[in-house]
Structure formats: structure tokens, C-alpha cells
Amino acid sequence: MKYVVTSVWKHPNKIDWTEMRQRMSEAKNNPHIAEIHWYEIDETTHGSVAIYHSKEAYKANLAYQTEVRTKSTGDRNYQMLHETHGESHVDFTSFL
């Protein structure tokens, strides 16, 4: 069963989506993550949806996630406003 994490992040300045794309590329080969989507809420706030292959994959990825978030909140002054997570019980793609 896939595991989904959603979060909302506030940036101190207007979001540079080219830079964000570069940052996301660092996670491209992460074997625990099935998908990541970052979307604009407003010019200084973005939402994130991360889909892991399973809850176990999420747990195995926690150390890496903590490292990345420490950089985001420390070095870049991003502020996480909200986070939720849980197992996905219904997946639209299973109907295709």
C-alpha cells in the first residue's frame, strides 16, 4: 500500500521554480519514493505531495527527509506550515 505525505511550505522570497526543479532532481534516484509533486499556492508558498512505495519505504527514507528538511528550514529559511501523512487506501490509477 502506498504512503502519502503532504506538506505546505512558506518561502521568504518569491519561489524560483528553476532552482526548485534542480533540488527535486537530487531525489530522482531515491528508491523509496514513487512520485513527488510540488505546486504553487501563491508566489511564496508551495505545496508538496510525496508518494512512497509503502509505509516501510517512508520510514526507511526518514533520515534523508530530515536532512533535506534541515537544509530547507535552516539554510533557506523555509517554514513548514502543515504536514499530514498516511496510507493510501484508494488509488485512482488502479481503475485505469
PDB file of N, CA and C in Angstrom:
ATOM      1  N   MET A   1       0.844  -1.169   0.000  1.00  0.00           N
ATOM      2  CA  MET A   1       0.000   0.000   0.000  1.00  0.00           C
ATOM      3  C   MET A   1       0.899   1.245   0.000  1.00  0.00           C
ATOM      4  N   LYS A   2       0.624   2.175  -0.897  1.00  0.00           N
ATOM      5  CA  LYS A   2       1.428   3.396  -0.979  1.00  0.00           C
ATOM      6  C   LYS A   2       1.194   4.277   0.246  1.00  0.00           C
ATOM      7  N   TYR A   3       2.191   5.112   0.531  1.00  0.00           N
ATOM      8  CA  TYR A   3       2.146   6.012   1.685  1.00  0.00           C
ATOM      9  C   TYR A   3       2.322   7.437   1.171  1.00  0.00           C
ATOM     10  N   VAL A   4       1.427   8.335   1.571  1.00  0.00           N
ATOM     11  CA  VAL A   4       1.383   9.692   1.025  1.00  0.00           C
ATOM     12  C   VAL A   4       1.711  10.712   2.117  1.00  0.00           C
ATOM     13  N   VAL A   5       2.570  11.663   1.773  1.00  0.00           N
ATOM     14  CA  VAL A   5       2.911  12.770   2.672  1.00  0.00           C
ATOM     15  C   VAL A   5       2.601  14.066   1.945  1.00  0.00           C
ATOM     16  N   THR A   6       1.789  14.911   2.572  1.00  0.00           N
ATOM     17  CA  THR A   6       1.502  16.230   2.008  1.00  0.00           C
ATOM     18  C   THR A   6       2.015  17.283   2.978  1.00  0.00           C
ATOM     19  N   SER A   7       2.546  18.363   2.426  1.00  0.00           N
ATOM     20  CA  SER A   7       3.035  19.454   3.268  1.00  0.00           C
ATOM     21  C   SER A   7       2.894  20.774   2.525  1.00  0.00           C
ATOM     22  N   VAL A   8       2.920  21.853   3.299  1.00  0.00           N
ATOM     23  CA  VAL A   8       2.847  23.207   2.757  1.00  0.00           C
ATOM     24  C   VAL A   8       4.035  23.977   3.308  1.00  0.00           C
ATOM     25  N   TRP A   9       4.735  24.700   2.413  1.00  0.00           N
ATOM     26  CA  TRP A   9       5.968  25.399   2.757  1.00  0.00           C
ATOM     27  C   TRP A   9       5.893  26.869   2.383  1.00  0.00           C
ATOM     28  N   LYS A  10       6.324  27.734   3.305  1.00  0.00           N
ATOM     29  CA  LYS A  10       6.395  29.181   3.077  1.00  0.00           C
ATOM     30  C   LYS A  10       7.855  29.547   2.823  1.00  0.00           C
ATOM     31  N   HIS A  11       8.093  30.289   1.752  1.00  0.00           N
ATOM     32  CA  HIS A  11       9.431  30.744   1.381  1.00  0.00           C
ATOM     33  C   HIS A  11       9.580  32.215   1.772  1.00  0.00           C
ATOM     34  N   PRO A  12      10.797  32.662   2.104  1.00  0.00           N
ATOM     35  CA  PRO A  12      10.987  34.071   2.467  1.00  0.00           C
ATOM     36  C   PRO A  12      10.873  35.012   1.270  1.00  0.00           C
ATOM     37  N   ASN A  13      11.062  34.484   0.067  1.00  0.00           N
ATOM     38  CA  ASN A  13      11.009  35.276  -1.164  1.00  0.00           C
ATOM     39  C   ASN A  13      10.197  34.523  -2.211  1.00  0.00           C
ATOM     40  N   LYS A  14       9.981  35.178  -3.334  1.00  0.00           N
ATOM     41  CA  LYS A  14       9.269  34.542  -4.444  1.00  0.00           C
ATOM     42  C   LYS A  14       9.972  33.231  -4.826  1.00  0.00           C
ATOM     43  N   ILE A  15       9.195  32.208  -5.086  1.00  0.00           N
ATOM     44  CA  ILE A  15       9.746  30.889  -5.409  1.00  0.00           C
ATOM     45  C   ILE A  15      10.427  30.916  -6.777  1.00  0.00           C
ATOM     46  N   ASP A  16      11.646  30.393  -6.810  1.00  0.00           N
ATOM     47  CA  ASP A  16      12.393  30.218  -8.057  1.00  0.00           C
ATOM     48  C   ASP A  16      12.184  28.766  -8.490  1.00  0.00           C
ATOM     49  N   TRP A  17      11.266  28.555  -9.429  1.00  0.00           N
ATOM     50  CA  TRP A  17      10.906  27.191  -9.821  1.00  0.00           C
ATOM     51  C   TRP A  17      12.032  26.470 -10.552  1.00  0.00           C
ATOM     52  N   THR A  18      12.919  27.192 -11.209  1.00  0.00           N
ATOM     53  CA  THR A  18      14.075  26.557 -11.847  1.00  0.00           C
ATOM     54  C   THR A  18      14.983  25.958 -10.774  1.00  0.00           C
ATOM     55  N   GLU A  19      15.215  26.714  -9.722  1.00  0.00           N
ATOM     56  CA  GLU A  19      16.026  26.224  -8.604  1.00  0.00           C
ATOM     57  C   GLU A  19      15.331  25.051  -7.906  1.00  0.00           C
ATOM     58  N   MET A  20      14.024  25.141  -7.749  1.00  0.00           N
ATOM     59  CA  MET A  20      13.262  24.060  -7.112  1.00  0.00           C
ATOM     60  C   MET A  20      13.368  22.773  -7.942  1.00  0.00           C
ATOM     61  N   ARG A  21      13.291  22.914  -9.250  1.00  0.00           N
ATOM     62  CA  ARG A  21      13.411  21.746 -10.130  1.00  0.00           C
ATOM     63  C   ARG A  21      14.780  21.085  -9.949  1.00  0.00           C
ATOM     64  N   GLN A  22      15.823  21.899  -9.822  1.00  0.00           N
ATOM     65  CA  GLN A  22      17.167  21.367  -9.605  1.00  0.00           C
ATOM     66  C   GLN A  22      17.228  20.602  -8.282  1.00  0.00           C
ATOM     67  N   ARG A  23      16.624  21.166  -7.240  1.00  0.00           N
ATOM     68  CA  ARG A  23      16.616  20.488  -5.939  1.00  0.00           C
ATOM     69  C   ARG A  23      15.881  19.152  -6.006  1.00  0.00           C
ATOM     70  N   MET A  24      14.745  19.146  -6.712  1.00  0.00           N
ATOM     71  CA  MET A  24      13.987  17.902  -6.807  1.00  0.00           C
ATOM     72  C   MET A  24      14.779  16.838  -7.557  1.00  0.00           C
ATOM     73  N   SER A  25      15.582  17.249  -8.528  1.00  0.00           N
ATOM     74  CA  SER A  25      16.345  16.271  -9.309  1.00  0.00           C
ATOM     75  C   SER A  25      17.301  15.473  -8.425  1.00  0.00           C
ATOM     76  N   GLU A  26      17.667  16.030  -7.266  1.00  0.00           N
ATOM     77  CA  GLU A  26      18.550  15.321  -6.339  1.00  0.00           C
ATOM     78  C   GLU A  26      17.876  14.075  -5.761  1.00  0.00           C
ATOM     79  N   ALA A  27      16.549  14.042  -5.758  1.00  0.00           N
ATOM     80  CA  ALA A  27      15.809  12.900  -5.211  1.00  0.00           C
ATOM     81  C   ALA A  27      15.392  11.904  -6.287  1.00  0.00           C
ATOM     82  N   LYS A  28      15.751  12.180  -7.523  1.00  0.00           N
ATOM     83  CA  LYS A  28      15.262  11.371  -8.647  1.00  0.00           C
ATOM     84  C   LYS A  28      15.560   9.884  -8.505  1.00  0.00           C
ATOM     85  N   ASN A  29      16.709   9.542  -8.020  1.00  0.00           N
ATOM     86  CA  ASN A  29      17.102   8.134  -7.926  1.00  0.00           C
ATOM     87  C   ASN A  29      16.830   7.518  -6.559  1.00  0.00           C
ATOM     88  N   ASN A  30      16.042   8.199  -5.733  1.00  0.00           N
ATOM     89  CA  ASN A  30      15.711   7.672  -4.414  1.00  0.00           C
ATOM     90  C   ASN A  30      14.783   6.460  -4.587  1.00  0.00           C
ATOM     91  N   PRO A  31      15.207   5.280  -4.165  1.00  0.00           N
ATOM     92  CA  PRO A  31      14.407   4.073  -4.413  1.00  0.00           C
ATOM     93  C   PRO A  31      13.129   3.987  -3.581  1.00  0.00           C
ATOM     94  N   HIS A  32      13.001   4.820  -2.562  1.00  0.00           N
ATOM     95  CA  HIS A  32      11.837   4.768  -1.672  1.00  0.00           C
ATOM     96  C   HIS A  32      10.647   5.559  -2.206  1.00  0.00           C
ATOM     97  N   ILE A  33      10.923   6.540  -3.063  1.00  0.00           N
ATOM     98  CA  ILE A  33       9.894   7.484  -3.496  1.00  0.00           C
ATOM     99  C   ILE A  33       9.333   7.083  -4.859  1.00  0.00           C
ATOM    100  N   ALA A  34       7.999   7.000  -4.940  1.00  0.00           N
ATOM    101  CA  ALA A  34       7.337   6.702  -6.213  1.00  0.00           C
ATOM    102  C   ALA A  34       7.117   7.972  -7.015  1.00  0.00           C
ATOM    103  N   GLU A  35       6.680   9.049  -6.345  1.00  0.00           N
ATOM    104  CA  GLU A  35       6.387  10.321  -7.015  1.00  0.00           C
ATOM    105  C   GLU A  35       6.548  11.473  -6.033  1.00  0.00           C
ATOM    106  N   ILE A  36       6.886  12.642  -6.569  1.00  0.00           N
ATOM    107  CA  ILE A  36       6.849  13.897  -5.812  1.00  0.00           C
ATOM    108  C   ILE A  36       6.228  14.945  -6.718  1.00  0.00           C
ATOM    109  N   HIS A  37       5.327  15.727  -6.157  1.00  0.00           N
ATOM    110  CA  HIS A  37       4.725  16.849  -6.881  1.00  0.00           C
ATOM    111  C   HIS A  37       4.853  18.090  -6.005  1.00  0.00           C
ATOM    112  N   TRP A  38       5.399  19.151  -6.575  1.00  0.00           N
ATOM    113  CA  TRP A  38       5.428  20.449  -5.907  1.00  0.00           C
ATOM    114  C   TRP A  38       4.558  21.388  -6.722  1.00  0.00           C
ATOM    115  N   TYR A  39       3.712  22.123  -6.059  1.00  0.00           N
ATOM    116  CA  TYR A  39       2.794  23.013  -6.766  1.00  0.00           C
ATOM    117  C   TYR A  39       2.723  24.368  -6.069  1.00  0.00           C
ATOM    118  N   GLU A  40       2.403  25.383  -6.859  1.00  0.00           N
ATOM    119  CA  GLU A  40       2.343  26.755  -6.354  1.00  0.00           C
ATOM    120  C   GLU A  40       0.989  27.026  -5.705  1.00  0.00           C
ATOM    121  N   ILE A  41       1.030  27.549  -4.489  1.00  0.00           N
ATOM    122  CA  ILE A  41      -0.171  28.027  -3.809  1.00  0.00           C
ATOM    123  C   ILE A  41      -0.280  29.531  -4.021  1.00  0.00           C
ATOM    124  N   ASP A  42       0.833  30.213  -3.794  1.00  0.00           N
ATOM    125  CA  ASP A  42       0.980  31.613  -4.180  1.00  0.00           C
ATOM    126  C   ASP A  42       2.468  31.825  -4.448  1.00  0.00           C
ATOM    127  N   GLU A  43       2.884  33.043  -4.730  1.00  0.00           N
ATOM    128  CA  GLU A  43       4.275  33.232  -5.189  1.00  0.00           C
ATOM    129  C   GLU A  43       5.328  32.920  -4.132  1.00  0.00           C
ATOM    130  N   THR A  44       4.948  32.820  -2.861  1.00  0.00           N
ATOM    131  CA  THR A  44       5.915  32.475  -1.817  1.00  0.00           C
ATOM    132  C   THR A  44       5.528  31.215  -1.034  1.00  0.00           C
ATOM    133  N   THR A  45       4.550  30.467  -1.514  1.00  0.00           N
ATOM    134  CA  THR A  45       4.107  29.264  -0.806  1.00  0.00           C
ATOM    135  C   THR A  45       3.933  28.120  -1.801  1.00  0.00           C
ATOM    136  N   HIS A  46       4.485  26.965  -1.443  1.00  0.00           N
ATOM    137  CA  HIS A  46       4.276  25.797  -2.302  1.00  0.00           C
ATOM    138  C   HIS A  46       3.761  24.620  -1.483  1.00  0.00           C
ATOM    139  N   GLY A  47       3.016  23.767  -2.169  1.00  0.00           N
ATOM    140  CA  GLY A  47       2.547  22.526  -1.581  1.00  0.00           C
ATOM    141  C   GLY A  47       3.359  21.374  -2.131  1.00  0.00           C
ATOM    142  N   SER A  48       3.413  20.306  -1.364  1.00  0.00           N
ATOM    143  CA  SER A  48       4.170  19.126  -1.765  1.00  0.00           C
ATOM    144  C   SER A  48       3.333  17.875  -1.528  1.00  0.00           C
ATOM    145  N   VAL A  49       3.363  16.977  -2.491  1.00  0.00           N
ATOM    146  CA  VAL A  49       2.767  15.653  -2.339  1.00  0.00           C
ATOM    147  C   VAL A  49       3.867  14.648  -2.666  1.00  0.00           C
ATOM    148  N   ALA A  50       4.247  13.863  -1.683  1.00  0.00           N
ATOM    149  CA  ALA A  50       5.256  12.818  -1.885  1.00  0.00           C
ATOM    150  C   ALA A  50       4.573  11.469  -1.702  1.00  0.00           C
ATOM    151  N   ILE A  51       4.758  10.593  -2.664  1.00  0.00           N
ATOM    152  CA  ILE A  51       4.145   9.274  -2.610  1.00  0.00           C
ATOM    153  C   ILE A  51       5.265   8.238  -2.519  1.00  0.00           C
ATOM    154  N   TYR A  52       5.232   7.482  -1.438  1.00  0.00           N
ATOM    155  CA  TYR A  52       6.226   6.437  -1.203  1.00  0.00           C
ATOM    156  C   TYR A  52       5.643   5.089  -1.617  1.00  0.00           C
ATOM    157  N   HIS A  53       6.501   4.155  -1.918  1.00  0.00           N
ATOM    158  CA  HIS A  53       6.060   2.828  -2.343  1.00  0.00           C
ATOM    159  C   HIS A  53       5.294   2.101  -1.233  1.00  0.00           C
ATOM    160  N   SER A  54       5.596   2.436   0.035  1.00  0.00           N
ATOM    161  CA  SER A  54       4.942   1.796   1.180  1.00  0.00           C
ATOM    162  C   SER A  54       5.275   2.602   2.433  1.00  0.00           C
ATOM    163  N   LYS A  55       4.615   2.265   3.527  1.00  0.00           N
ATOM    164  CA  LYS A  55       4.937   2.901   4.809  1.00  0.00           C
ATOM    165  C   LYS A  55       6.370   2.553   5.219  1.00  0.00           C
ATOM    166  N   GLU A  56       6.784   1.339   4.912  1.00  0.00           N
ATOM    167  CA  GLU A  56       8.149   0.913   5.228  1.00  0.00           C
ATOM    168  C   GLU A  56       9.169   1.743   4.449  1.00  0.00           C
ATOM    169  N   ALA A  57       8.847   2.042   3.186  1.00  0.00           N
ATOM    170  CA  ALA A  57       9.734   2.885   2.374  1.00  0.00           C
ATOM    171  C   ALA A  57       9.814   4.286   2.961  1.00  0.00           C
ATOM    172  N   TYR A  58       8.673   4.811   3.425  1.00  0.00           N
ATOM    173  CA  TYR A  58       8.649   6.126   4.083  1.00  0.00           C
ATOM    174  C   TYR A  58       9.571   6.113   5.303  1.00  0.00           C
ATOM    175  N   LYS A  59       9.438   5.098   6.142  1.00  0.00           N
ATOM    176  CA  LYS A  59      10.264   5.008   7.352  1.00  0.00           C
ATOM    177  C   LYS A  59      11.750   4.885   7.000  1.00  0.00           C
ATOM    178  N   ALA A  60      12.051   4.116   5.964  1.00  0.00           N
ATOM    179  CA  ALA A  60      13.445   3.951   5.536  1.00  0.00           C
ATOM    180  C   ALA A  60      14.026   5.255   5.013  1.00  0.00           C
ATOM    181  N   ASN A  61      13.174   6.154   4.557  1.00  0.00           N
ATOM    182  CA  ASN A  61      13.603   7.428   3.976  1.00  0.00           C
ATOM    183  C   ASN A  61      13.668   8.566   4.999  1.00  0.00           C
ATOM    184  N   LEU A  62      13.221   8.342   6.220  1.00  0.00           N
ATOM    185  CA  LEU A  62      13.112   9.426   7.200  1.00  0.00           C
ATOM    186  C   LEU A  62      14.425  10.153   7.472  1.00  0.00           C
ATOM    187  N   ALA A  63      15.532   9.445   7.556  1.00  0.00           N
ATOM    188  CA  ALA A  63      16.818  10.105   7.818  1.00  0.00           C
ATOM    189  C   ALA A  63      17.157  11.074   6.690  1.00  0.00           C
ATOM    190  N   TYR A  64      16.967  10.639   5.445  1.00  0.00           N
ATOM    191  CA  TYR A  64      17.217  11.517   4.296  1.00  0.00           C
ATOM    192  C   TYR A  64      16.255  12.702   4.314  1.00  0.00           C
ATOM    193  N   GLN A  65      14.983  12.443   4.577  1.00  0.00           N
ATOM    194  CA  GLN A  65      13.985  13.515   4.618  1.00  0.00           C
ATOM    195  C   GLN A  65      14.338  14.548   5.687  1.00  0.00           C
ATOM    196  N   THR A  66      14.781  14.092   6.843  1.00  0.00           N
ATOM    197  CA  THR A  66      15.172  15.004   7.921  1.00  0.00           C
ATOM    198  C   THR A  66      16.349  15.867   7.494  1.00  0.00           C
ATOM    199  N   GLU A  67      17.319  15.270   6.826  1.00  0.00           N
ATOM    200  CA  GLU A  67      18.486  16.011   6.331  1.00  0.00           C
ATOM    201  C   GLU A  67      18.067  17.105   5.345  1.00  0.00           C
ATOM    202  N   VAL A  68      17.209  16.762   4.394  1.00  0.00           N
ATOM    203  CA  VAL A  68      16.755  17.726   3.387  1.00  0.00           C
ATOM    204  C   VAL A  68      15.952  18.843   4.046  1.00  0.00           C
ATOM    205  N   ARG A  69      15.084  18.486   4.973  1.00  0.00           N
ATOM    206  CA  ARG A  69      14.259  19.498   5.641  1.00  0.00           C
ATOM    207  C   ARG A  69      15.092  20.413   6.535  1.00  0.00           C
ATOM    208  N   THR A  70      16.152  19.894   7.125  1.00  0.00           N
ATOM    209  CA  THR A  70      17.037  20.733   7.936  1.00  0.00           C
ATOM    210  C   THR A  70      17.671  21.811   7.072  1.00  0.00           C
ATOM    211  N   LYS A  71      18.075  21.465   5.860  1.00  0.00           N
ATOM    212  CA  LYS A  71      18.617  22.460   4.929  1.00  0.00           C
ATOM    213  C   LYS A  71      17.548  23.472   4.544  1.00  0.00           C
ATOM    214  N   SER A  72      16.339  22.987   4.292  1.00  0.00           N
ATOM    215  CA  SER A  72      15.258  23.880   3.870  1.00  0.00           C
ATOM    216  C   SER A  72      14.899  24.884   4.957  1.00  0.00           C
ATOM    217  N   THR A  73      14.782  24.415   6.183  1.00  0.00           N
ATOM    218  CA  THR A  73      14.369  25.317   7.262  1.00  0.00           C
ATOM    219  C   THR A  73      15.541  26.129   7.810  1.00  0.00           C
ATOM    220  N   GLY A  74      16.744  25.587   7.744  1.00  0.00           N
ATOM    221  CA  GLY A  74      17.911  26.284   8.272  1.00  0.00           C
ATOM    222  C   GLY A  74      18.558  27.200   7.254  1.00  0.00           C
ATOM    223  N   ASP A  75      19.160  26.612   6.239  1.00  0.00           N
ATOM    224  CA  ASP A  75      19.915  27.366   5.235  1.00  0.00           C
ATOM    225  C   ASP A  75      19.030  28.253   4.370  1.00  0.00           C
ATOM    226  N   ARG A  76      17.845  27.779   4.044  1.00  0.00           N
ATOM    227  CA  ARG A  76      17.000  28.500   3.083  1.00  0.00           C
ATOM    228  C   ARG A  76      15.876  29.296   3.733  1.00  0.00           C
ATOM    229  N   ASN A  77      15.705  29.146   5.033  1.00  0.00           N
ATOM    230  CA  ASN A  77      14.662  29.861   5.784  1.00  0.00           C
ATOM    231  C   ASN A  77      13.249  29.557   5.316  1.00  0.00           C
ATOM    232  N   TYR A  78      13.010  28.340   4.830  1.00  0.00           N
ATOM    233  CA  TYR A  78      11.645  27.925   4.518  1.00  0.00           C
ATOM    234  C   TYR A  78      10.970  27.554   5.840  1.00  0.00           C
ATOM    235  N   GLN A  79       9.671  27.703   5.876  1.00  0.00           N
ATOM    236  CA  GLN A  79       8.914  27.337   7.067  1.00  0.00           C
ATOM    237  C   GLN A  79       7.830  26.339   6.671  1.00  0.00           C
ATOM    238  N   MET A  80       7.840  25.169   7.306  1.00  0.00           N
ATOM    239  CA  MET A  80       6.773  24.213   7.035  1.00  0.00           C
ATOM    240  C   MET A  80       5.541  24.653   7.824  1.00  0.00           C
ATOM    241  N   LEU A  81       4.441  24.874   7.107  1.00  0.00           N
ATOM    242  CA  LEU A  81       3.206  25.341   7.724  1.00  0.00           C
ATOM    243  C   LEU A  81       2.287  24.190   8.115  1.00  0.00           C
ATOM    244  N   HIS A  82       2.422  23.064   7.412  1.00  0.00           N
ATOM    245  CA  HIS A  82       1.461  21.981   7.611  1.00  0.00           C
ATOM    246  C   HIS A  82       2.030  20.682   7.056  1.00  0.00           C
ATOM    247  N   GLU A  83       1.730  19.578   7.719  1.00  0.00           N
ATOM    248  CA  GLU A  83       2.094  18.268   7.186  1.00  0.00           C
ATOM    249  C   GLU A  83       1.066  17.233   7.636  1.00  0.00           C
ATOM    250  N   THR A  84       0.690  16.367   6.717  1.00  0.00           N
ATOM    251  CA  THR A  84      -0.130  15.199   7.040  1.00  0.00           C
ATOM    252  C   THR A  84       0.430  14.010   6.277  1.00  0.00           C
ATOM    253  N   HIS A  85       0.184  12.823   6.785  1.00  0.00           N
ATOM    254  CA  HIS A  85       0.619  11.632   6.062  1.00  0.00           C
ATOM    255  C   HIS A  85      -0.208  10.433   6.474  1.00  0.00           C
ATOM    256  N   GLY A  86      -0.251   9.460   5.574  1.00  0.00           N
ATOM    257  CA  GLY A  86      -0.981   8.234   5.851  1.00  0.00           C
ATOM    258  C   GLY A  86      -0.984   7.302   4.657  1.00  0.00           C
ATOM    259  N   GLU A  87      -1.493   6.098   4.897  1.00  0.00           N
ATOM    260  CA  GLU A  87      -1.558   5.101   3.836  1.00  0.00           C
ATOM    261  C   GLU A  87      -2.688   5.418   2.863  1.00  0.00           C
ATOM    262  N   SER A  88      -2.422   5.180   1.600  1.00  0.00           N
ATOM    263  CA  SER A  88      -3.402   5.419   0.538  1.00  0.00           C
ATOM    264  C   SER A  88      -4.266   4.166   0.376  1.00  0.00           C
ATOM    265  N   HIS A  89      -5.546   4.300   0.675  1.00  0.00           N
ATOM    266  CA  HIS A  89      -6.455   3.155   0.591  1.00  0.00           C
ATOM    267  C   HIS A  89      -7.154   3.046  -0.761  1.00  0.00           C
ATOM    268  N   VAL A  90      -7.239   4.153  -1.503  1.00  0.00           N
ATOM    269  CA  VAL A  90      -7.854   4.146  -2.828  1.00  0.00           C
ATOM    270  C   VAL A  90      -6.930   4.915  -3.765  1.00  0.00           C
ATOM    271  N   ASP A  91      -6.560   4.299  -4.876  1.00  0.00           N
ATOM    272  CA  ASP A  91      -5.637   4.894  -5.839  1.00  0.00           C
ATOM    273  C   ASP A  91      -6.327   4.956  -7.199  1.00  0.00           C
ATOM    274  N   PHE A  92      -6.511   6.152  -7.711  1.00  0.00           N
ATOM    275  CA  PHE A  92      -7.177   6.367  -8.993  1.00  0.00           C
ATOM    276  C   PHE A  92      -6.564   5.524 -10.099  1.00  0.00           C
ATOM    277  N   THR A  93      -5.239   5.379 -10.086  1.00  0.00           N
ATOM    278  CA  THR A  93      -4.581   4.645 -11.169  1.00  0.00           C
ATOM    279  C   THR A  93      -4.970   3.171 -11.192  1.00  0.00           C
ATOM    280  N   SER A  94      -5.488   2.657 -10.092  1.00  0.00           N
ATOM    281  CA  SER A  94      -5.894   1.249 -10.081  1.00  0.00           C
ATOM    282  C   SER A  94      -7.151   1.011 -10.917  1.00  0.00           C
ATOM    283  N   PHE A  95      -7.844   2.085 -11.321  1.00  0.00           N
ATOM    284  CA  PHE A  95      -9.047   1.961 -12.134  1.00  0.00           C
ATOM    285  C   PHE A  95      -8.767   2.080 -13.628  1.00  0.00           C
ATOM    286  N   LEU A  96      -7.521   2.408 -13.992  1.00  0.00           N
ATOM    287  CA  LEU A  96      -7.190   2.604 -15.406  1.00  0.00           C
ATOM    288  C   LEU A  96      -6.957   1.296 -16.120  1.00  0.00           C
TER     289      LEU A  96
END
